[in-house]
Amino acid sequence: MYEGLTFKLSLYFPSDYPFTAPVVKFEAPGCFHPNVDLQHGHICLDVLKEKWSAVHNIRTILLSIQSLLGGAWATRERSCCSVGTLGLCLGATTQCLLTSSGL
């Protein structure tokens, strides 16, 4: 479904990164997926929430998002319905492009 599409992501790194997960979101136009908040672009992904570990890095985050987009929607459940606002995020901001080739 997403093959050949390119998405723009924003990554917000808190001051205590890598001990706290970065906030990652799709920029407009966003991505239509059950695990993506259409209004704000926040991504509901366990490695960005309760399964975050300091061993994760940008590469593992992007691979996890790519895997999320490549997975079957029927087996995905939106496990984090309310996502916090970005207003409290501190630290560096990075933007990158995620190309969904082969998904």
PDB file of N, CA and C in Angstrom:
ATOM      1  N   MET A   1       0.805  -1.197   0.000  1.00  0.00           N
ATOM      2  CA  MET A   1       0.000   0.000   0.000  1.00  0.00           C
ATOM      3  C   MET A   1       0.848   1.261   0.000  1.00  0.00           C
ATOM      4  N   TYR A   2       1.995   1.233   0.657  1.00  0.00           N
ATOM      5  CA  TYR A   2       2.831   2.422   0.769  1.00  0.00           C
ATOM      6  C   TYR A   2       4.025   2.391  -0.184  1.00  0.00           C
ATOM      7  N   GLU A   3       4.123   1.364  -1.007  1.00  0.00           N
ATOM      8  CA  GLU A   3       5.277   1.202  -1.886  1.00  0.00           C
ATOM      9  C   GLU A   3       5.458   2.420  -2.779  1.00  0.00           C
ATOM     10  N   GLY A   4       6.686   2.925  -2.814  1.00  0.00           N
ATOM     11  CA  GLY A   4       7.028   4.060  -3.657  1.00  0.00           C
ATOM     12  C   GLY A   4       6.728   5.412  -3.043  1.00  0.00           C
ATOM     13  N   LEU A   5       6.087   5.456  -1.885  1.00  0.00           N
ATOM     14  CA  LEU A   5       5.770   6.726  -1.234  1.00  0.00           C
ATOM     15  C   LEU A   5       6.935   7.180  -0.367  1.00  0.00           C
ATOM     16  N   THR A   6       7.062   8.471  -0.185  1.00  0.00           N
ATOM     17  CA  THR A   6       8.074   9.046   0.682  1.00  0.00           C
ATOM     18  C   THR A   6       7.378   9.863   1.751  1.00  0.00           C
ATOM     19  N   PHE A   7       7.771   9.671   2.997  1.00  0.00           N
ATOM     20  CA  PHE A   7       7.169  10.378   4.115  1.00  0.00           C
ATOM     21  C   PHE A   7       8.226  11.237   4.803  1.00  0.00           C
ATOM     22  N   LYS A   8       7.820  12.381   5.290  1.00  0.00           N
ATOM     23  CA  LYS A   8       8.709  13.261   6.041  1.00  0.00           C
ATOM     24  C   LYS A   8       8.411  13.070   7.529  1.00  0.00           C
ATOM     25  N   LEU A   9       9.464  12.802   8.293  1.00  0.00           N
ATOM     26  CA  LEU A   9       9.344  12.590   9.733  1.00  0.00           C
ATOM     27  C   LEU A   9      10.114  13.664  10.483  1.00  0.00           C
ATOM     28  N   SER A  10       9.621  14.011  11.650  1.00  0.00           N
ATOM     29  CA  SER A  10      10.362  14.875  12.571  1.00  0.00           C
ATOM     30  C   SER A  10      10.730  14.055  13.789  1.00  0.00           C
ATOM     31  N   LEU A  11      11.958  14.204  14.248  1.00  0.00           N
ATOM     32  CA  LEU A  11      12.434  13.514  15.435  1.00  0.00           C
ATOM     33  C   LEU A  11      12.865  14.569  16.440  1.00  0.00           C
ATOM     34  N   TYR A  12      12.277  14.524  17.638  1.00  0.00           N
ATOM     35  CA  TYR A  12      12.604  15.460  18.706  1.00  0.00           C
ATOM     36  C   TYR A  12      13.341  14.702  19.798  1.00  0.00           C
ATOM     37  N   PHE A  13      14.587  15.102  20.050  1.00  0.00           N
ATOM     38  CA  PHE A  13      15.415  14.401  21.024  1.00  0.00           C
ATOM     39  C   PHE A  13      15.410  15.160  22.345  1.00  0.00           C
ATOM     40  N   PRO A  14      14.936  14.519  23.415  1.00  0.00           N
ATOM     41  CA  PRO A  14      14.924  15.177  24.724  1.00  0.00           C
ATOM     42  C   PRO A  14      16.344  15.326  25.261  1.00  0.00           C
ATOM     43  N   SER A  15      16.497  16.167  26.242  1.00  0.00           N
ATOM     44  CA  SER A  15      17.826  16.432  26.781  1.00  0.00           C
ATOM     45  C   SER A  15      18.456  15.196  27.426  1.00  0.00           C
ATOM     46  N   ASP A  16      17.653  14.233  27.865  1.00  0.00           N
ATOM     47  CA  ASP A  16      18.210  13.025  28.473  1.00  0.00           C
ATOM     48  C   ASP A  16      18.259  11.830  27.515  1.00  0.00           C
ATOM     49  N   TYR A  17      18.198  12.105  26.203  1.00  0.00           N
ATOM     50  CA  TYR A  17      18.394  11.050  25.199  1.00  0.00           C
ATOM     51  C   TYR A  17      19.819  10.537  25.337  1.00  0.00           C
ATOM     52  N   PRO A  18      20.102   9.271  25.287  1.00  0.00           N
ATOM     53  CA  PRO A  18      19.317   8.144  24.812  1.00  0.00           C
ATOM     54  C   PRO A  18      18.523   7.412  25.905  1.00  0.00           C
ATOM     55  N   PHE A  19      18.474   7.964  27.100  1.00  0.00           N
ATOM     56  CA  PHE A  19      17.769   7.269  28.177  1.00  0.00           C
ATOM     57  C   PHE A  19      16.259   7.455  28.083  1.00  0.00           C
ATOM     58  N   THR A  20      15.824   8.443  27.309  1.00  0.00           N
ATOM     59  CA  THR A  20      14.418   8.677  27.022  1.00  0.00           C
ATOM     60  C   THR A  20      14.239   8.656  25.514  1.00  0.00           C
ATOM     61  N   ALA A  21      13.175   8.058  25.078  1.00  0.00           N
ATOM     62  CA  ALA A  21      12.919   7.933  23.639  1.00  0.00           C
ATOM     63  C   ALA A  21      12.673   9.291  22.992  1.00  0.00           C
ATOM     64  N   PRO A  22      13.105   9.453  21.745  1.00  0.00           N
ATOM     65  CA  PRO A  22      12.758  10.672  21.023  1.00  0.00           C
ATOM     66  C   PRO A  22      11.270  10.641  20.661  1.00  0.00           C
ATOM     67  N   VAL A  23      10.717  11.802  20.387  1.00  0.00           N
ATOM     68  CA  VAL A  23       9.342  11.893  19.899  1.00  0.00           C
ATOM     69  C   VAL A  23       9.433  11.939  18.381  1.00  0.00           C
ATOM     70  N   VAL A  24       8.790  10.988  17.738  1.00  0.00           N
ATOM     71  CA  VAL A  24       8.849  10.889  16.280  1.00  0.00           C
ATOM     72  C   VAL A  24       7.437  11.061  15.748  1.00  0.00           C
ATOM     73  N   LYS A  25       7.295  11.893  14.715  1.00  0.00           N
ATOM     74  CA  LYS A  25       5.980  12.081  14.130  1.00  0.00           C
ATOM     75  C   LYS A  25       6.081  12.304  12.632  1.00  0.00           C
ATOM     76  N   PHE A  26       5.002  11.974  11.947  1.00  0.00           N
ATOM     77  CA  PHE A  26       4.890  12.257  10.526  1.00  0.00           C
ATOM     78  C   PHE A  26       4.528  13.718  10.353  1.00  0.00           C
ATOM     79  N   GLU A  27       5.172  14.368   9.407  1.00  0.00           N
ATOM     80  CA  GLU A  27       4.828  15.743   9.069  1.00  0.00           C
ATOM     81  C   GLU A  27       3.749  15.725   7.999  1.00  0.00           C
ATOM     82  N   ALA A  28       3.021  16.811   7.861  1.00  0.00           N
ATOM     83  CA  ALA A  28       1.936  16.893   6.864  1.00  0.00           C
ATOM     84  C   ALA A  28       2.500  16.899   5.462  1.00  0.00           C
ATOM     85  N   PRO A  29       1.889  16.247   4.513  1.00  0.00           N
ATOM     86  CA  PRO A  29       0.759  15.356   4.723  1.00  0.00           C
ATOM     87  C   PRO A  29       1.237  14.070   5.380  1.00  0.00           C
ATOM     88  N   GLY A  30       0.450  13.590   6.288  1.00  0.00           N
ATOM     89  CA  GLY A  30       0.847  12.441   7.094  1.00  0.00           C
ATOM     90  C   GLY A  30       0.625  11.112   6.417  1.00  0.00           C
ATOM     91  N   CYS A  31       0.567  10.119   7.232  1.00  0.00           N
ATOM     92  CA  CYS A  31       0.425   8.745   6.771  1.00  0.00           C
ATOM     93  C   CYS A  31      -0.868   8.183   7.331  1.00  0.00           C
ATOM     94  N   PHE A  32      -1.699   7.607   6.482  1.00  0.00           N
ATOM     95  CA  PHE A  32      -2.940   6.996   6.936  1.00  0.00           C
ATOM     96  C   PHE A  32      -2.648   5.574   7.395  1.00  0.00           C
ATOM     97  N   HIS A  33      -2.700   5.368   8.696  1.00  0.00           N
ATOM     98  CA  HIS A  33      -2.411   4.069   9.297  1.00  0.00           C
ATOM     99  C   HIS A  33      -3.067   4.051  10.678  1.00  0.00           C
ATOM    100  N   PRO A  34      -3.568   2.898  11.131  1.00  0.00           N
ATOM    101  CA  PRO A  34      -4.219   2.846  12.450  1.00  0.00           C
ATOM    102  C   PRO A  34      -3.309   3.244  13.606  1.00  0.00           C
ATOM    103  N   ASN A  35      -2.009   3.150  13.444  1.00  0.00           N
ATOM    104  CA  ASN A  35      -1.075   3.491  14.510  1.00  0.00           C
ATOM    105  C   ASN A  35      -0.482   4.888  14.349  1.00  0.00           C
ATOM    106  N   VAL A  36      -1.085   5.692  13.499  1.00  0.00           N
ATOM    107  CA  VAL A  36      -0.625   7.064  13.297  1.00  0.00           C
ATOM    108  C   VAL A  36      -1.795   8.008  13.553  1.00  0.00           C
ATOM    109  N   ASP A  37      -1.568   8.970  14.420  1.00  0.00           N
ATOM    110  CA  ASP A  37      -2.563   9.991  14.711  1.00  0.00           C
ATOM    111  C   ASP A  37      -2.630  10.942  13.516  1.00  0.00           C
ATOM    112  N   LEU A  38      -3.761  10.929  12.811  1.00  0.00           N
ATOM    113  CA  LEU A  38      -3.888  11.733  11.595  1.00  0.00           C
ATOM    114  C   LEU A  38      -3.818  13.228  11.864  1.00  0.00           C
ATOM    115  N   GLN A  39      -4.295  13.665  13.005  1.00  0.00           N
ATOM    116  CA  GLN A  39      -4.323  15.094  13.296  1.00  0.00           C
ATOM    117  C   GLN A  39      -2.932  15.653  13.588  1.00  0.00           C
ATOM    118  N   HIS A  40      -2.132  14.911  14.352  1.00  0.00           N
ATOM    119  CA  HIS A  40      -0.826  15.417  14.774  1.00  0.00           C
ATOM    120  C   HIS A  40       0.355  14.642  14.220  1.00  0.00           C
ATOM    121  N   GLY A  41       0.126  13.467  13.664  1.00  0.00           N
ATOM    122  CA  GLY A  41       1.196  12.675  13.076  1.00  0.00           C
ATOM    123  C   GLY A  41       1.979  11.814  14.045  1.00  0.00           C
ATOM    124  N   HIS A  42       1.561  11.756  15.313  1.00  0.00           N
ATOM    125  CA  HIS A  42       2.266  10.940  16.298  1.00  0.00           C
ATOM    126  C   HIS A  42       2.151   9.465  15.942  1.00  0.00           C
ATOM    127  N   ILE A  43       3.217   8.726  16.223  1.00  0.00           N
ATOM    128  CA  ILE A  43       3.290   7.309  15.878  1.00  0.00           C
ATOM    129  C   ILE A  43       3.164   6.480  17.144  1.00  0.00           C
ATOM    130  N   CYS A  44       2.251   5.543  17.127  1.00  0.00           N
ATOM    131  CA  CYS A  44       2.049   4.633  18.252  1.00  0.00           C
ATOM    132  C   CYS A  44       2.882   3.382  17.983  1.00  0.00           C
ATOM    133  N   LEU A  45       4.033   3.313  18.627  1.00  0.00           N
ATOM    134  CA  LEU A  45       4.981   2.226  18.388  1.00  0.00           C
ATOM    135  C   LEU A  45       5.657   1.884  19.708  1.00  0.00           C
ATOM    136  N   ASP A  46       5.654   0.608  20.083  1.00  0.00           N
ATOM    137  CA  ASP A  46       6.159   0.203  21.393  1.00  0.00           C
ATOM    138  C   ASP A  46       7.606   0.598  21.647  1.00  0.00           C
ATOM    139  N   VAL A  47       8.463   0.587  20.620  1.00  0.00           N
ATOM    140  CA  VAL A  47       9.874   0.947  20.851  1.00  0.00           C
ATOM    141  C   VAL A  47      10.037   2.440  21.104  1.00  0.00           C
ATOM    142  N   LEU A  48       8.998   3.216  20.835  1.00  0.00           N
ATOM    143  CA  LEU A  48       9.028   4.646  21.162  1.00  0.00           C
ATOM    144  C   LEU A  48       8.311   4.931  22.478  1.00  0.00           C
ATOM    145  N   LYS A  49       7.798   3.883  23.092  1.00  0.00           N
ATOM    146  CA  LYS A  49       7.062   4.024  24.350  1.00  0.00           C
ATOM    147  C   LYS A  49       7.671   3.108  25.408  1.00  0.00           C
ATOM    148  N   GLU A  50       6.913   2.103  25.822  1.00  0.00           N
ATOM    149  CA  GLU A  50       7.303   1.246  26.948  1.00  0.00           C
ATOM    150  C   GLU A  50       8.482   0.324  26.658  1.00  0.00           C
ATOM    151  N   LYS A  51       8.786   0.043  25.405  1.00  0.00           N
ATOM    152  CA  LYS A  51       9.911  -0.840  25.087  1.00  0.00           C
ATOM    153  C   LYS A  51      11.156  -0.069  24.652  1.00  0.00           C
ATOM    154  N   TRP A  52      11.189   1.229  24.936  1.00  0.00           N
ATOM    155  CA  TRP A  52      12.363   2.016  24.589  1.00  0.00           C
ATOM    156  C   TRP A  52      13.557   1.553  25.414  1.00  0.00           C
ATOM    157  N   SER A  53      14.723   1.525  24.791  1.00  0.00           N
ATOM    158  CA  SER A  53      15.973   1.191  25.449  1.00  0.00           C
ATOM    159  C   SER A  53      17.058   2.092  24.891  1.00  0.00           C
ATOM    160  N   ALA A  54      18.052   2.387  25.698  1.00  0.00           N
ATOM    161  CA  ALA A  54      19.149   3.246  25.262  1.00  0.00           C
ATOM    162  C   ALA A  54      19.961   2.626  24.125  1.00  0.00           C
ATOM    163  N   VAL A  55      19.784   1.343  23.860  1.00  0.00           N
ATOM    164  CA  VAL A  55      20.510   0.710  22.753  1.00  0.00           C
ATOM    165  C   VAL A  55      19.883   1.037  21.402  1.00  0.00           C
ATOM    166  N   HIS A  56      18.634   1.531  21.399  1.00  0.00           N
ATOM    167  CA  HIS A  56      18.005   1.923  20.138  1.00  0.00           C
ATOM    168  C   HIS A  56      18.627   3.213  19.621  1.00  0.00           C
ATOM    169  N   ASN A  57      18.623   3.352  18.305  1.00  0.00           N
ATOM    170  CA  ASN A  57      19.150   4.564  17.677  1.00  0.00           C
ATOM    171  C   ASN A  57      18.236   4.938  16.510  1.00  0.00           C
ATOM    172  N   ILE A  58      18.615   5.945  15.753  1.00  0.00           N
ATOM    173  CA  ILE A  58      17.779   6.405  14.646  1.00  0.00           C
ATOM    174  C   ILE A  58      17.531   5.278  13.651  1.00  0.00           C
ATOM    175  N   ARG A  59      18.535   4.497  13.382  1.00  0.00           N
ATOM    176  CA  ARG A  59      18.388   3.391  12.424  1.00  0.00           C
ATOM    177  C   ARG A  59      17.320   2.404  12.883  1.00  0.00           C
ATOM    178  N   THR A  60      17.377   1.986  14.150  1.00  0.00           N
ATOM    179  CA  THR A  60      16.397   1.012  14.634  1.00  0.00           C
ATOM    180  C   THR A  60      14.991   1.617  14.694  1.00  0.00           C
ATOM    181  N   ILE A  61      14.912   2.917  14.986  1.00  0.00           N
ATOM    182  CA  ILE A  61      13.608   3.587  14.996  1.00  0.00           C
ATOM    183  C   ILE A  61      13.010   3.578  13.592  1.00  0.00           C
ATOM    184  N   LEU A  62      13.794   3.977  12.598  1.00  0.00           N
ATOM    185  CA  LEU A  62      13.288   4.037  11.223  1.00  0.00           C
ATOM    186  C   LEU A  62      12.944   2.646  10.692  1.00  0.00           C
ATOM    187  N   LEU A  63      13.740   1.652  11.044  1.00  0.00           N
ATOM    188  CA  LEU A  63      13.414   0.280  10.640  1.00  0.00           C
ATOM    189  C   LEU A  63      12.113  -0.195  11.287  1.00  0.00           C
ATOM    190  N   SER A  64      11.895   0.182  12.526  1.00  0.00           N
ATOM    191  CA  SER A  64      10.653  -0.195  13.212  1.00  0.00           C
ATOM    192  C   SER A  64       9.447   0.470  12.555  1.00  0.00           C
ATOM    193  N   ILE A  65       9.581   1.731  12.170  1.00  0.00           N
ATOM    194  CA  ILE A  65       8.486   2.423  11.496  1.00  0.00           C
ATOM    195  C   ILE A  65       8.240   1.806  10.127  1.00  0.00           C
ATOM    196  N   GLN A  66       9.300   1.498   9.418  1.00  0.00           N
ATOM    197  CA  GLN A  66       9.153   0.863   8.112  1.00  0.00           C
ATOM    198  C   GLN A  66       8.454  -0.495   8.264  1.00  0.00           C
ATOM    199  N   SER A  67       8.802  -1.237   9.297  1.00  0.00           N
ATOM    200  CA  SER A  67       8.168  -2.525   9.559  1.00  0.00           C
ATOM    201  C   SER A  67       6.692  -2.337   9.908  1.00  0.00           C
ATOM    202  N   LEU A  68       6.387  -1.315  10.697  1.00  0.00           N
ATOM    203  CA  LEU A  68       5.002  -1.019  11.044  1.00  0.00           C
ATOM    204  C   LEU A  68       4.172  -0.755   9.787  1.00  0.00           C
ATOM    205  N   LEU A  69       4.720   0.023   8.867  1.00  0.00           N
ATOM    206  CA  LEU A  69       3.996   0.341   7.636  1.00  0.00           C
ATOM    207  C   LEU A  69       3.859  -0.877   6.734  1.00  0.00           C
ATOM    208  N   GLY A  70       4.793  -1.817   6.834  1.00  0.00           N
ATOM    209  CA  GLY A  70       4.751  -3.003   5.995  1.00  0.00           C
ATOM    210  C   GLY A  70       3.886  -4.118   6.562  1.00  0.00           C
ATOM    211  N   GLY A  71       3.469  -3.985   7.827  1.00  0.00           N
ATOM    212  CA  GLY A  71       2.680  -5.027   8.470  1.00  0.00           C
ATOM    213  C   GLY A  71       1.220  -4.982   8.069  1.00  0.00           C
ATOM    214  N   ALA A  72       0.549  -6.078   8.350  1.00  0.00           N
ATOM    215  CA  ALA A  72      -0.878  -6.170   8.041  1.00  0.00           C
ATOM    216  C   ALA A  72      -1.680  -5.353   9.054  1.00  0.00           C
ATOM    217  N   TRP A  73      -2.589  -4.534   8.575  1.00  0.00           N
ATOM    218  CA  TRP A  73      -3.413  -3.708   9.459  1.00  0.00           C
ATOM    219  C   TRP A  73      -4.292  -4.549  10.357  1.00  0.00           C
ATOM    220  N   ALA A  74      -4.754  -5.662   9.867  1.00  0.00           N
ATOM    221  CA  ALA A  74      -5.689  -6.485  10.647  1.00  0.00           C
ATOM    222  C   ALA A  74      -5.043  -7.015  11.923  1.00  0.00           C
ATOM    223  N   THR A  75      -3.731  -7.167  11.929  1.00  0.00           N
ATOM    224  CA  THR A  75      -3.056  -7.700  13.106  1.00  0.00           C
ATOM    225  C   THR A  75      -2.511  -6.594  13.991  1.00  0.00           C
ATOM    226  N   ARG A  76      -2.659  -5.346  13.577  1.00  0.00           N
ATOM    227  CA  ARG A  76      -2.163  -4.221  14.372  1.00  0.00           C
ATOM    228  C   ARG A  76      -3.272  -3.675  15.249  1.00  0.00           C
ATOM    229  N   GLU A  77      -2.905  -3.325  16.456  1.00  0.00           N
ATOM    230  CA  GLU A  77      -3.859  -2.726  17.354  1.00  0.00           C
ATOM    231  C   GLU A  77      -3.264  -1.435  17.866  1.00  0.00           C
ATOM    232  N   ARG A  78      -4.045  -0.396  17.863  1.00  0.00           N
ATOM    233  CA  ARG A  78      -3.536   0.884  18.351  1.00  0.00           C
ATOM    234  C   ARG A  78      -3.504   0.830  19.865  1.00  0.00           C
ATOM    235  N   SER A  79      -2.323   0.645  20.409  1.00  0.00           N
ATOM    236  CA  SER A  79      -2.195   0.405  21.842  1.00  0.00           C
ATOM    237  C   SER A  79      -2.022   1.676  22.656  1.00  0.00           C
ATOM    238  N   CYS A  80      -1.780   2.788  22.017  1.00  0.00           N
ATOM    239  CA  CYS A  80      -1.606   4.041  22.762  1.00  0.00           C
ATOM    240  C   CYS A  80      -2.439   5.118  22.093  1.00  0.00           C
ATOM    241  N   CYS A  81      -3.659   5.230  22.532  1.00  0.00           N
ATOM    242  CA  CYS A  81      -4.607   6.130  21.872  1.00  0.00           C
ATOM    243  C   CYS A  81      -4.327   7.597  22.144  1.00  0.00           C
ATOM    244  N   SER A  82      -3.844   7.928  23.321  1.00  0.00           N
ATOM    245  CA  SER A  82      -3.566   9.340  23.586  1.00  0.00           C
ATOM    246  C   SER A  82      -2.061   9.545  23.636  1.00  0.00           C
ATOM    247  N   VAL A  83      -1.607  10.452  22.817  1.00  0.00           N
ATOM    248  CA  VAL A  83      -0.181  10.743  22.725  1.00  0.00           C
ATOM    249  C   VAL A  83       0.029  12.152  23.243  1.00  0.00           C
ATOM    250  N   GLY A  84       1.064  12.348  24.057  1.00  0.00           N
ATOM    251  CA  GLY A  84       1.340  13.656  24.634  1.00  0.00           C
ATOM    252  C   GLY A  84       1.669  14.711  23.597  1.00  0.00           C
ATOM    253  N   THR A  85       1.605  15.948  24.008  1.00  0.00           N
ATOM    254  CA  THR A  85       1.888  17.039  23.084  1.00  0.00           C
ATOM    255  C   THR A  85       3.381  17.249  22.970  1.00  0.00           C
ATOM    256  N   LEU A  86       3.786  17.863  21.876  1.00  0.00           N
ATOM    257  CA  LEU A  86       5.198  18.126  21.645  1.00  0.00           C
ATOM    258  C   LEU A  86       5.666  19.383  22.355  1.00  0.00           C
ATOM    259  N   GLY A  87       4.760  20.130  22.946  1.00  0.00           N
ATOM    260  CA  GLY A  87       5.119  21.383  23.585  1.00  0.00           C
ATOM    261  C   GLY A  87       6.126  21.221  24.714  1.00  0.00           C
ATOM    262  N   LEU A  88       6.200  20.043  25.301  1.00  0.00           N
ATOM    263  CA  LEU A  88       7.115  19.815  26.415  1.00  0.00           C
ATOM    264  C   LEU A  88       8.459  19.242  25.977  1.00  0.00           C
ATOM    265  N   CYS A  89       8.621  19.014  24.688  1.00  0.00           N
ATOM    266  CA  CYS A  89       9.855  18.391  24.209  1.00  0.00           C
ATOM    267  C   CYS A  89      10.993  19.401  24.172  1.00  0.00           C
ATOM    268  N   LEU A  90      12.118  18.972  24.667  1.00  0.00           N
ATOM    269  CA  LEU A  90      13.321  19.795  24.648  1.00  0.00           C
ATOM    270  C   LEU A  90      14.381  19.097  23.829  1.00  0.00           C
ATOM    271  N   GLY A  91      15.382  19.805  23.439  1.00  0.00           N
ATOM    272  CA  GLY A  91      16.516  19.191  22.756  1.00  0.00           C
ATOM    273  C   GLY A  91      16.520  19.439  21.269  1.00  0.00           C
ATOM    274  N   ALA A  92      17.335  18.664  20.587  1.00  0.00           N
ATOM    275  CA  ALA A  92      17.563  18.856  19.159  1.00  0.00           C
ATOM    276  C   ALA A  92      16.397  18.331  18.338  1.00  0.00           C
ATOM    277  N   THR A  93      16.228  18.897  17.185  1.00  0.00           N
ATOM    278  CA  THR A  93      15.196  18.460  16.248  1.00  0.00           C
ATOM    279  C   THR A  93      15.882  18.021  14.969  1.00  0.00           C
ATOM    280  N   THR A  94      15.475  16.882  14.464  1.00  0.00           N
ATOM    281  CA  THR A  94      16.019  16.360  13.221  1.00  0.00           C
ATOM    282  C   THR A  94      14.857  16.016  12.317  1.00  0.00           C
ATOM    283  N   GLN A  95      15.012  16.275  11.037  1.00  0.00           N
ATOM    284  CA  GLN A  95      14.001  15.855  10.085  1.00  0.00           C
ATOM    285  C   GLN A  95      14.643  14.881   9.120  1.00  0.00           C
ATOM    286  N   CYS A  96      13.880  13.885   8.715  1.00  0.00           N
ATOM    287  CA  CYS A  96      14.409  12.909   7.781  1.00  0.00           C
ATOM    288  C   CYS A  96      13.281  12.426   6.879  1.00  0.00           C
ATOM    289  N   LEU A  97      13.647  11.745   5.854  1.00  0.00           N
ATOM    290  CA  LEU A  97      12.674  11.174   4.934  1.00  0.00           C
ATOM    291  C   LEU A  97      12.715   9.674   5.064  1.00  0.00           C
ATOM    292  N   LEU A  98      11.561   9.062   5.114  1.00  0.00           N
ATOM    293  CA  LEU A  98      11.440   7.608   5.155  1.00  0.00           C
ATOM    294  C   LEU A  98      10.807   7.197   3.844  1.00  0.00           C
ATOM    295  N   THR A  99      11.544   6.444   3.061  1.00  0.00           N
ATOM    296  CA  THR A  99      11.020   5.960   1.780  1.00  0.00           C
ATOM    297  C   THR A  99      10.576   4.533   1.972  1.00  0.00           C
ATOM    298  N   SER A 100       9.350   4.271   1.587  1.00  0.00           N
ATOM    299  CA  SER A 100       8.779   2.941   1.801  1.00  0.00           C
ATOM    300  C   SER A 100       8.943   2.059   0.576  1.00  0.00           C
ATOM    301  N   SER A 101      10.168   1.900   0.130  1.00  0.00           N
ATOM    302  CA  SER A 101      10.411   1.043  -1.024  1.00  0.00           C
ATOM    303  C   SER A 101      10.279  -0.407  -0.627  1.00  0.00           C
ATOM    304  N   GLY A 102       9.565  -1.137  -1.435  1.00  0.00           N
ATOM    305  CA  GLY A 102       9.408  -2.556  -1.201  1.00  0.00           C
ATOM    306  C   GLY A 102       8.356  -2.921  -0.182  1.00  0.00           C
ATOM    307  N   LEU A 103       7.591  -1.948   0.316  1.00  0.00           N
ATOM    308  CA  LEU A 103       6.543  -2.270   1.293  1.00  0.00           C
ATOM    309  C   LEU A 103       5.238  -2.507   0.594  1.00  0.00           C
TER     310      LEU A 103
END
